[in-house]
Amino acid sequence: MEYSHSDTELIQQPIGYWSWAAYNAVVTRTRAALAGIGTTQPQWWVLAQVARADTVRTRAEVSRLLQNYLDTGRGAMGAEIDATIAHGWLTEDAAGRLELTAEGRAFYDRAAALQDELWAERHAGIDDEEYLTTLKVLQRFIHNTGGHAWHQ
């Protein structure tokens, strides 16, 4: 890969710009790929939370877990949960418990395979050590600026 600047020049580049550019590229690519199979990124998050859970999750639990993903918000997550139900991918009982339908399982499997492909695409030429270092550096930037990631 050819980089935008020499190493000496890159050290002077603003992290705010490059972290935003990386975010924009990754999220735009992910959302376009998911749209290509008929879903949104927040709907994928909902499906993944329900499909991967060890126990049945409620609407409130899923909303609480996902409301801070990319500043989505609780209200938006409610609408995304409604959309997954409208698609026939989830059912919700009177207590708010969410379960995958057979159609939802098949769609989840399809979307999960796509997410695996996107992961491989994003990580091409990047080994685990580089990736780990990158995440630690980004978390240090968050810490140093008094910010908070959703999981902290």
Protein backbone atom coordinates (compact mmCIF):
# COMPACT_ATOMS: atom_id res chain seq x y z
CA MET A 1 0.00 0.00 0.00
CA GLU A 2 1.14 3.52 -0.72
CA TYR A 3 0.56 5.90 2.19
CA SER A 4 -0.57 9.51 1.89
CA HIS A 5 2.56 10.99 3.48
CA SER A 6 6.06 10.03 4.55
CA ASP A 7 6.45 8.67 8.08
CA THR A 8 7.82 12.03 9.20
CA GLU A 9 4.78 13.81 7.75
CA LEU A 10 2.28 11.22 9.05
CA ILE A 11 3.42 11.82 12.62
CA GLN A 12 2.21 15.42 12.19
CA GLN A 13 -1.21 14.44 10.82
CA PRO A 14 -4.32 15.04 13.00
CA ILE A 15 -5.80 11.90 14.61
CA GLY A 16 -9.26 13.50 14.52
CA TYR A 17 -9.25 13.58 10.75
CA TRP A 18 -7.81 10.10 10.20
CA SER A 19 -10.02 8.41 12.81
CA TRP A 20 -13.06 10.12 11.25
CA ALA A 21 -11.97 9.11 7.72
CA ALA A 22 -11.50 5.49 8.86
CA TYR A 23 -14.87 5.51 10.63
CA ASN A 24 -16.59 7.00 7.60
CA ALA A 25 -15.03 4.48 5.20
CA VAL A 26 -15.80 1.44 7.36
CA VAL A 27 -19.36 2.44 8.28
CA THR A 28 -20.23 3.53 4.72
CA ARG A 29 -18.93 0.24 3.30
CA THR A 30 -20.68 -1.84 5.96
CA ARG A 31 -24.01 -0.06 5.57
CA ALA A 32 -23.91 -0.31 1.77
CA ALA A 33 -23.18 -4.04 1.91
CA LEU A 34 -25.98 -4.65 4.41
CA ALA A 35 -28.38 -2.54 2.34
CA GLY A 36 -27.48 -4.81 -0.58
CA ILE A 37 -29.06 -7.74 1.26
CA GLY A 38 -32.02 -5.73 2.52
CA THR A 39 -31.16 -4.61 6.02
CA THR A 40 -29.62 -1.78 8.01
CA GLN A 41 -26.65 -1.86 10.33
CA PRO A 42 -28.85 -1.32 13.43
CA GLN A 43 -31.15 -4.16 12.32
CA TRP A 44 -28.06 -6.37 12.02
CA TRP A 45 -27.06 -5.40 15.57
CA VAL A 46 -30.53 -6.39 16.81
CA LEU A 47 -30.42 -9.73 15.02
CA ALA A 48 -26.91 -10.44 16.29
CA GLN A 49 -27.86 -9.63 19.89
CA VAL A 50 -30.82 -11.99 19.75
CA ALA A 51 -29.11 -14.75 17.73
CA ARG A 52 -25.94 -14.84 19.84
CA ALA A 53 -27.52 -14.52 23.28
CA ASP A 54 -27.23 -17.38 25.74
CA THR A 55 -30.67 -16.54 27.09
CA VAL A 56 -33.72 -14.87 25.59
CA ARG A 57 -33.37 -11.09 25.52
CA THR A 58 -36.12 -8.55 25.88
CA ARG A 59 -36.73 -5.47 23.77
CA ALA A 60 -35.58 -3.32 26.71
CA GLU A 61 -32.34 -5.28 27.11
CA VAL A 62 -31.51 -5.11 23.41
CA SER A 63 -32.35 -1.39 23.26
CA ARG A 64 -30.19 -0.68 26.30
CA LEU A 65 -27.25 -2.65 24.89
CA LEU A 66 -27.41 -0.99 21.47
CA GLN A 67 -28.58 2.56 22.13
CA ASN A 68 -25.03 3.95 22.23
CA TYR A 69 -23.75 2.13 19.15
CA LEU A 70 -22.66 4.95 16.85
CA ASP A 71 -24.94 7.33 18.81
CA THR A 72 -28.05 5.51 17.62
CA GLY A 73 -30.23 6.28 20.65
CA ARG A 74 -32.96 4.31 22.43
CA GLY A 75 -35.82 5.63 20.28
CA ALA A 76 -34.10 4.67 17.06
CA MET A 77 -33.36 1.19 18.39
CA GLY A 78 -37.04 0.67 19.14
CA ALA A 79 -37.85 1.46 15.52
CA GLU A 80 -35.12 -0.91 14.30
CA ILE A 81 -36.47 -3.71 16.53
CA ASP A 82 -39.93 -3.00 15.09
CA ALA A 83 -38.47 -3.28 11.58
CA THR A 84 -36.89 -6.68 12.31
CA ILE A 85 -40.27 -7.88 13.56
CA ALA A 86 -42.03 -6.44 10.49
CA HIS A 87 -39.53 -8.29 8.25
CA GLY A 88 -40.56 -11.51 9.98
CA TRP A 89 -37.07 -12.09 11.41
CA LEU A 90 -38.09 -11.79 15.07
CA THR A 91 -41.15 -12.32 17.19
CA GLU A 92 -41.94 -10.50 20.41
CA ASP A 93 -44.15 -11.87 23.15
CA ALA A 94 -46.27 -9.91 25.63
CA ALA A 95 -43.32 -9.67 28.05
CA GLY A 96 -41.12 -8.12 25.34
CA ARG A 97 -39.00 -11.25 24.82
CA LEU A 98 -37.48 -11.40 21.35
CA GLU A 99 -36.89 -14.63 19.46
CA LEU A 100 -35.58 -15.41 16.00
CA THR A 101 -37.99 -16.94 13.53
CA ALA A 102 -36.82 -19.61 11.08
CA GLU A 103 -36.70 -16.88 8.43
CA GLY A 104 -34.77 -14.69 10.87
CA ARG A 105 -32.22 -17.44 11.51
CA ALA A 106 -31.67 -17.91 7.78
CA PHE A 107 -31.32 -14.16 7.26
CA TYR A 108 -29.03 -13.81 10.27
CA ASP A 109 -26.78 -16.57 8.88
CA ARG A 110 -26.65 -14.77 5.52
CA ALA A 111 -25.85 -11.42 7.14
CA ALA A 112 -23.26 -13.02 9.45
CA ALA A 113 -21.49 -14.51 6.43
CA LEU A 114 -21.46 -11.05 4.83
CA GLN A 115 -20.06 -9.54 8.04
CA ASP A 116 -17.29 -12.18 7.99
CA GLU A 117 -16.46 -11.17 4.40
CA LEU A 118 -16.38 -7.49 5.40
CA TRP A 119 -14.13 -8.27 8.37
CA ALA A 120 -11.67 -10.07 6.08
CA GLU A 121 -11.80 -7.18 3.60
CA ARG A 122 -11.10 -4.58 6.30
CA HIS A 123 -8.31 -6.61 7.87
CA ALA A 124 -6.47 -7.48 4.64
CA GLY A 125 -2.76 -6.95 5.24
CA ILE A 126 -3.28 -6.16 8.93
CA ASP A 127 -2.09 -8.76 11.42
CA ASP A 128 -3.60 -9.25 14.88
CA GLU A 129 -0.74 -7.43 16.59
CA GLU A 130 -1.23 -4.31 14.45
CA TYR A 131 -4.97 -4.43 15.02
CA LEU A 132 -4.54 -4.78 18.77
CA THR A 133 -2.09 -1.87 18.83
CA THR A 134 -4.49 0.27 16.81
CA LEU A 135 -7.37 -0.37 19.21
CA LYS A 136 -5.20 0.32 22.24
CA VAL A 137 -3.97 3.57 20.71
CA LEU A 138 -7.52 4.67 19.89
CA GLN A 139 -8.66 3.82 23.42
CA ARG A 140 -5.74 5.84 24.78
CA PHE A 141 -6.85 8.83 22.67
CA ILE A 142 -10.37 8.45 24.09
CA HIS A 143 -8.99 8.27 27.62
CA ASN A 144 -6.57 11.18 27.14
CA THR A 145 -9.35 13.46 25.90
CA GLY A 146 -11.80 12.55 28.67
CA GLY A 147 -14.08 10.69 26.29
CA HIS A 148 -15.95 7.47 26.95
CA ALA A 149 -16.53 4.54 24.65
CA TRP A 150 -19.90 2.82 24.95
CA HIS A 151 -18.52 -0.13 26.87
CA GLN A 152 -16.67 1.81 29.56
